[in-house]
Amino acid sequence: MNITKKRMISTFLLLIMGIFSLFPSSVYANTSQSSTSSALTFQYPTPTAASWKQFKSHIDMVQSCQIPDNVLHAMSTDQLIEATLNYPLFMDIYAYDTTQDGFNAVAQQFNGIKELLQRQDAGSKLLDVYKKMKVTTDKQKNSDNLFRLAYIEVLLGQNDIINKLSTAESQGLNNAVQEKYTEKKAQSDIYGTTVSTFYDVQAKVNRSSAIVPNTTSSYVYTPRGTAVPVQVLGELLS
């Protein structure tokens, strides 16, 4: 990585620190005990400008956000998904040439993602969460939803996750992604380049161009002039 690119990334990460100061802190896991159950949880450092001034570098931030092993392995997959989507440094994925390059880097740094990718039920659990997510039409009220939707699409775009899905679940994922892509495209002024996150990630993972399907129908004609309906895959993303 050349010096110019390093400086760009450093500048971007400083901007991220500033953005964090605009959001309230969240408790991503709740430590509670009762006579019938015990839930292990984890709370990230409060992402405010004041509390993060103690960190001297990005490495300090990364280390402060690691989930203790005893908590990590005891978390249910649902809890782990929530913790991952709320990871304060997930936005680092946008500091690289491509979103997938960024995800690869973040996944190496954060033990929550590493653990999630190893869970056998991660695919089905992520799909359940994804299907329930709504595409926002108001960026002022739902900016957090915008990023969470992009993050979960990045996760679902990993072959480590897709390979854990059943045939029926894979079809369900394709349908859900296509539906949300269509909805986000109608709100492109809000979602910008994140409209096609899943397709972009899959293209990078599989080293191909991203073909975004749509529901447009068309016809081809046989040599005898018979019209045959076909499904048009749609636009090629460069």
Protein backbone atom coordinates (compact mmCIF):
# COMPACT_ATOMS: atom_id res chain seq x y z
CA MET A 1 0.00 0.00 0.00
CA ASN A 2 1.55 3.33 -1.03
CA ILE A 3 1.93 6.35 1.23
CA THR A 4 -0.87 8.31 -0.45
CA LYS A 5 -3.36 5.50 0.06
CA LYS A 6 -2.32 5.12 3.70
CA ARG A 7 -2.91 8.83 4.26
CA MET A 8 -6.34 8.60 2.62
CA ILE A 9 -7.32 5.70 4.84
CA SER A 10 -6.06 7.50 7.95
CA THR A 11 -8.11 10.57 7.01
CA PHE A 12 -11.17 8.43 6.43
CA LEU A 13 -10.81 6.75 9.81
CA LEU A 14 -10.59 10.15 11.51
CA LEU A 15 -13.85 11.08 9.78
CA ILE A 16 -15.40 7.89 11.11
CA MET A 17 -14.44 8.91 14.64
CA GLY A 18 -16.25 12.18 14.06
CA ILE A 19 -19.33 10.42 12.76
CA PHE A 20 -19.42 8.15 15.81
CA SER A 21 -19.79 11.21 18.02
CA LEU A 22 -23.18 11.89 16.38
CA PHE A 23 -24.69 8.58 17.43
CA PRO A 24 -25.83 7.59 20.92
CA SER A 25 -24.22 4.64 22.60
CA SER A 26 -25.91 1.27 22.46
CA VAL A 27 -25.79 -1.74 24.71
CA TYR A 28 -25.26 -4.63 22.35
CA ALA A 29 -25.57 -7.37 24.91
CA ASN A 30 -27.17 -7.43 28.31
CA THR A 31 -25.74 -9.25 31.30
CA SER A 32 -28.66 -10.61 33.25
CA GLN A 33 -29.38 -13.57 35.43
CA SER A 34 -32.58 -15.16 36.56
CA SER A 35 -33.62 -18.43 38.13
CA THR A 36 -34.29 -19.91 34.71
CA SER A 37 -31.69 -18.44 32.38
CA SER A 38 -28.43 -16.54 32.09
CA ALA A 39 -27.64 -14.28 29.15
CA LEU A 40 -24.06 -13.28 28.47
CA THR A 41 -23.74 -9.92 26.82
CA PHE A 42 -21.19 -7.33 25.77
CA GLN A 43 -21.12 -3.54 25.70
CA TYR A 44 -18.83 -1.71 23.27
CA PRO A 45 -17.05 1.46 24.36
CA THR A 46 -19.40 4.43 24.06
CA PRO A 47 -18.70 5.89 20.59
CA THR A 48 -18.59 9.56 21.54
CA ALA A 49 -15.81 12.01 20.82
CA ALA A 50 -15.07 12.47 24.54
CA SER A 51 -14.70 8.81 25.42
CA TRP A 52 -12.69 7.95 22.33
CA LYS A 53 -10.07 10.64 22.89
CA GLN A 54 -8.21 8.17 25.07
CA PHE A 55 -7.38 6.09 22.01
CA LYS A 56 -4.06 6.97 20.42
CA SER A 57 -4.58 4.98 17.22
CA HIS A 58 -7.03 2.97 15.19
CA ILE A 59 -5.42 -0.17 16.59
CA ASP A 60 -6.44 0.96 20.09
CA MET A 61 -10.05 1.28 18.90
CA VAL A 62 -10.00 -2.17 17.33
CA GLN A 63 -8.58 -3.77 20.45
CA SER A 64 -11.10 -2.05 22.72
CA CYS A 65 -13.99 -3.49 20.68
CA GLN A 66 -12.97 -7.16 20.84
CA ILE A 67 -15.54 -9.35 22.57
CA PRO A 68 -14.05 -11.39 25.44
CA ASP A 69 -13.74 -15.05 24.43
CA ASN A 70 -15.88 -16.35 27.27
CA VAL A 71 -18.71 -14.02 26.20
CA LEU A 72 -18.18 -14.54 22.48
CA HIS A 73 -18.47 -18.32 22.54
CA ALA A 74 -21.45 -18.24 24.90
CA MET A 75 -23.45 -15.86 22.74
CA SER A 76 -26.34 -17.25 20.73
CA THR A 77 -26.07 -16.68 16.98
CA ASP A 78 -28.87 -14.11 17.20
CA GLN A 79 -26.94 -12.18 19.86
CA LEU A 80 -23.76 -12.44 17.81
CA ILE A 81 -25.49 -11.07 14.71
CA GLU A 82 -26.76 -8.09 16.68
CA ALA A 83 -23.31 -7.47 18.15
CA THR A 84 -21.73 -7.69 14.70
CA LEU A 85 -24.19 -5.31 13.06
CA ASN A 86 -23.55 -2.83 15.87
CA TYR A 87 -19.76 -3.16 15.76
CA PRO A 88 -18.57 0.49 15.94
CA LEU A 89 -15.82 -0.01 13.35
CA PHE A 90 -17.85 -1.88 10.74
CA MET A 91 -17.84 1.32 8.71
CA ASP A 92 -14.12 0.77 8.09
CA ILE A 93 -15.18 -1.40 5.14
CA TYR A 94 -15.63 1.81 3.15
CA ALA A 95 -12.02 2.89 3.62
CA TYR A 96 -10.76 0.45 0.97
CA ASP A 97 -10.84 0.17 -2.80
CA THR A 98 -13.90 -2.10 -2.69
CA THR A 99 -16.41 -2.99 0.00
CA GLN A 100 -15.25 -6.61 -0.10
CA ASP A 101 -11.61 -5.60 0.38
CA GLY A 102 -12.76 -3.57 3.36
CA PHE A 103 -14.77 -6.45 4.77
CA ASN A 104 -11.80 -8.79 4.47
CA ALA A 105 -9.74 -6.35 6.52
CA VAL A 106 -12.42 -5.77 9.16
CA ALA A 107 -13.11 -9.51 9.45
CA GLN A 108 -9.45 -10.09 10.25
CA GLN A 109 -9.57 -7.43 12.97
CA PHE A 110 -12.86 -8.23 14.71
CA ASN A 111 -13.37 -11.54 16.48
CA GLY A 112 -17.15 -11.20 16.34
CA ILE A 113 -17.18 -11.55 12.55
CA LYS A 114 -14.72 -14.44 12.67
CA GLU A 115 -16.97 -16.28 15.10
CA LEU A 116 -20.12 -15.53 13.13
CA LEU A 117 -18.67 -16.88 9.89
CA GLN A 118 -17.97 -20.17 11.66
CA ARG A 119 -21.48 -20.65 13.07
CA GLN A 120 -23.35 -23.34 11.17
CA ASP A 121 -26.68 -21.57 11.58
CA ALA A 122 -25.32 -18.15 10.64
CA GLY A 123 -26.79 -18.23 7.14
CA SER A 124 -30.36 -19.01 8.15
CA LYS A 125 -30.25 -16.63 11.13
CA LEU A 126 -28.88 -13.76 9.02
CA LEU A 127 -31.51 -14.42 6.38
CA ASP A 128 -34.27 -14.25 9.00
CA VAL A 129 -32.99 -10.88 10.22
CA TYR A 130 -32.54 -9.58 6.67
CA LYS A 131 -36.07 -10.46 5.57
CA LYS A 132 -37.48 -8.44 8.48
CA MET A 133 -35.46 -5.33 7.66
CA LYS A 134 -37.29 -2.47 5.98
CA VAL A 135 -35.95 -0.20 3.26
CA THR A 136 -36.07 3.33 4.61
CA THR A 137 -37.65 6.25 2.80
CA ASP A 138 -36.46 8.88 5.28
CA LYS A 139 -32.70 9.27 5.68
CA GLN A 140 -33.11 11.72 8.56
CA LYS A 141 -34.96 9.21 10.73
CA ASN A 142 -33.38 5.94 9.63
CA SER A 143 -29.68 6.53 8.91
CA ASP A 144 -28.77 3.65 11.23
CA ASN A 145 -31.07 1.33 9.29
CA LEU A 146 -29.32 2.30 6.06
CA PHE A 147 -25.94 1.12 7.33
CA ARG A 148 -27.30 -2.00 9.03
CA LEU A 149 -28.94 -3.07 5.77
CA ALA A 150 -25.66 -2.60 3.92
CA TYR A 151 -23.69 -4.48 6.59
CA ILE A 152 -26.00 -7.49 6.59
CA GLU A 153 -25.88 -7.63 2.79
CA VAL A 154 -22.10 -7.70 2.97
CA LEU A 155 -22.31 -10.59 5.43
CA LEU A 156 -24.87 -12.47 3.34
CA GLY A 157 -22.69 -11.96 0.28
CA GLN A 158 -19.87 -14.07 1.74
CA ASN A 159 -19.58 -17.58 0.34
CA ASP A 160 -18.89 -18.83 3.89
CA ILE A 161 -22.46 -17.78 4.66
CA ILE A 162 -24.14 -18.68 1.37
CA ASN A 163 -22.70 -22.19 1.45
CA LYS A 164 -24.50 -22.81 4.75
CA LEU A 165 -27.92 -22.14 3.22
CA SER A 166 -30.28 -24.84 2.01
CA THR A 167 -31.57 -24.73 -1.56
CA ALA A 168 -34.84 -23.23 -0.38
CA GLU A 169 -33.02 -20.65 1.76
CA SER A 170 -30.76 -19.71 -1.17
CA GLN A 171 -33.82 -19.04 -3.29
CA GLY A 172 -35.33 -17.07 -0.44
CA LEU A 173 -32.16 -14.98 -0.22
CA ASN A 174 -32.20 -14.28 -3.96
CA ASN A 175 -35.82 -13.17 -3.77
CA ALA A 176 -35.25 -10.98 -0.71
CA VAL A 177 -32.15 -9.32 -2.19
CA GLN A 178 -33.90 -8.62 -5.49
CA GLU A 179 -36.90 -7.14 -3.69
CA LYS A 180 -34.79 -4.89 -1.49
CA TYR A 181 -32.60 -3.88 -4.44
CA THR A 182 -35.68 -2.71 -6.32
CA GLU A 183 -36.91 -0.78 -3.27
CA LYS A 184 -33.50 0.79 -2.61
CA LYS A 185 -33.09 1.76 -6.24
CA ALA A 186 -36.33 3.73 -5.96
CA GLN A 187 -34.65 5.53 -3.01
CA SER A 188 -31.23 5.91 -4.65
CA ASP A 189 -30.89 9.46 -3.35
CA ILE A 190 -30.79 7.91 0.14
CA TYR A 191 -28.88 4.69 -0.48
CA GLY A 192 -26.39 5.92 -3.08
CA THR A 193 -23.73 3.33 -3.87
CA THR A 194 -25.11 0.92 -1.26
CA VAL A 195 -28.11 0.15 -3.49
CA SER A 196 -26.36 -2.87 -5.01
CA THR A 197 -24.20 -3.90 -2.05
CA PHE A 198 -25.02 -7.61 -2.16
CA TYR A 199 -24.42 -7.91 -5.91
CA ASP A 200 -21.19 -5.89 -5.73
CA VAL A 201 -19.84 -8.06 -2.93
CA GLN A 202 -20.76 -11.30 -4.69
CA ALA A 203 -19.12 -10.08 -7.89
CA LYS A 204 -15.90 -9.34 -6.02
CA VAL A 205 -16.00 -12.62 -4.11
CA ASN A 206 -16.53 -14.59 -7.31
CA ARG A 207 -14.30 -12.31 -9.41
CA SER A 208 -16.98 -11.47 -11.95
CA SER A 209 -19.05 -8.50 -13.09
CA ALA A 210 -22.12 -7.83 -10.99
CA ILE A 211 -25.30 -8.66 -12.83
CA VAL A 212 -28.36 -7.26 -11.11
CA PRO A 213 -31.52 -9.18 -11.92
CA ASN A 214 -34.85 -7.48 -12.35
CA THR A 215 -38.37 -8.59 -13.08
CA THR A 216 -38.56 -7.30 -16.63
CA SER A 217 -40.06 -9.81 -19.07
CA SER A 218 -39.31 -9.91 -22.77
CA TYR A 219 -39.61 -12.25 -25.72
CA VAL A 220 -37.36 -13.97 -28.21
CA TYR A 221 -38.64 -15.40 -31.44
CA THR A 222 -37.99 -18.79 -32.94
CA PRO A 223 -37.14 -19.15 -36.65
CA ARG A 224 -40.86 -19.79 -37.26
CA GLY A 225 -41.84 -16.57 -35.54
CA THR A 226 -43.15 -18.06 -32.28
CA ALA A 227 -42.81 -15.68 -29.33
CA VAL A 228 -41.10 -17.27 -26.30
CA PRO A 229 -41.15 -15.37 -22.96
CA VAL A 230 -37.76 -14.93 -21.24
CA GLN A 231 -36.53 -13.26 -18.06
CA VAL A 232 -34.21 -10.31 -18.63
CA LEU A 233 -31.40 -10.34 -16.06
CA GLY A 234 -31.02 -6.60 -16.08
CA GLU A 235 -28.12 -4.23 -15.77
CA LEU A 236 -24.43 -4.94 -15.61
CA LEU A 237 -22.71 -3.06 -12.82
CA SER A 238 -19.15 -1.96 -13.47
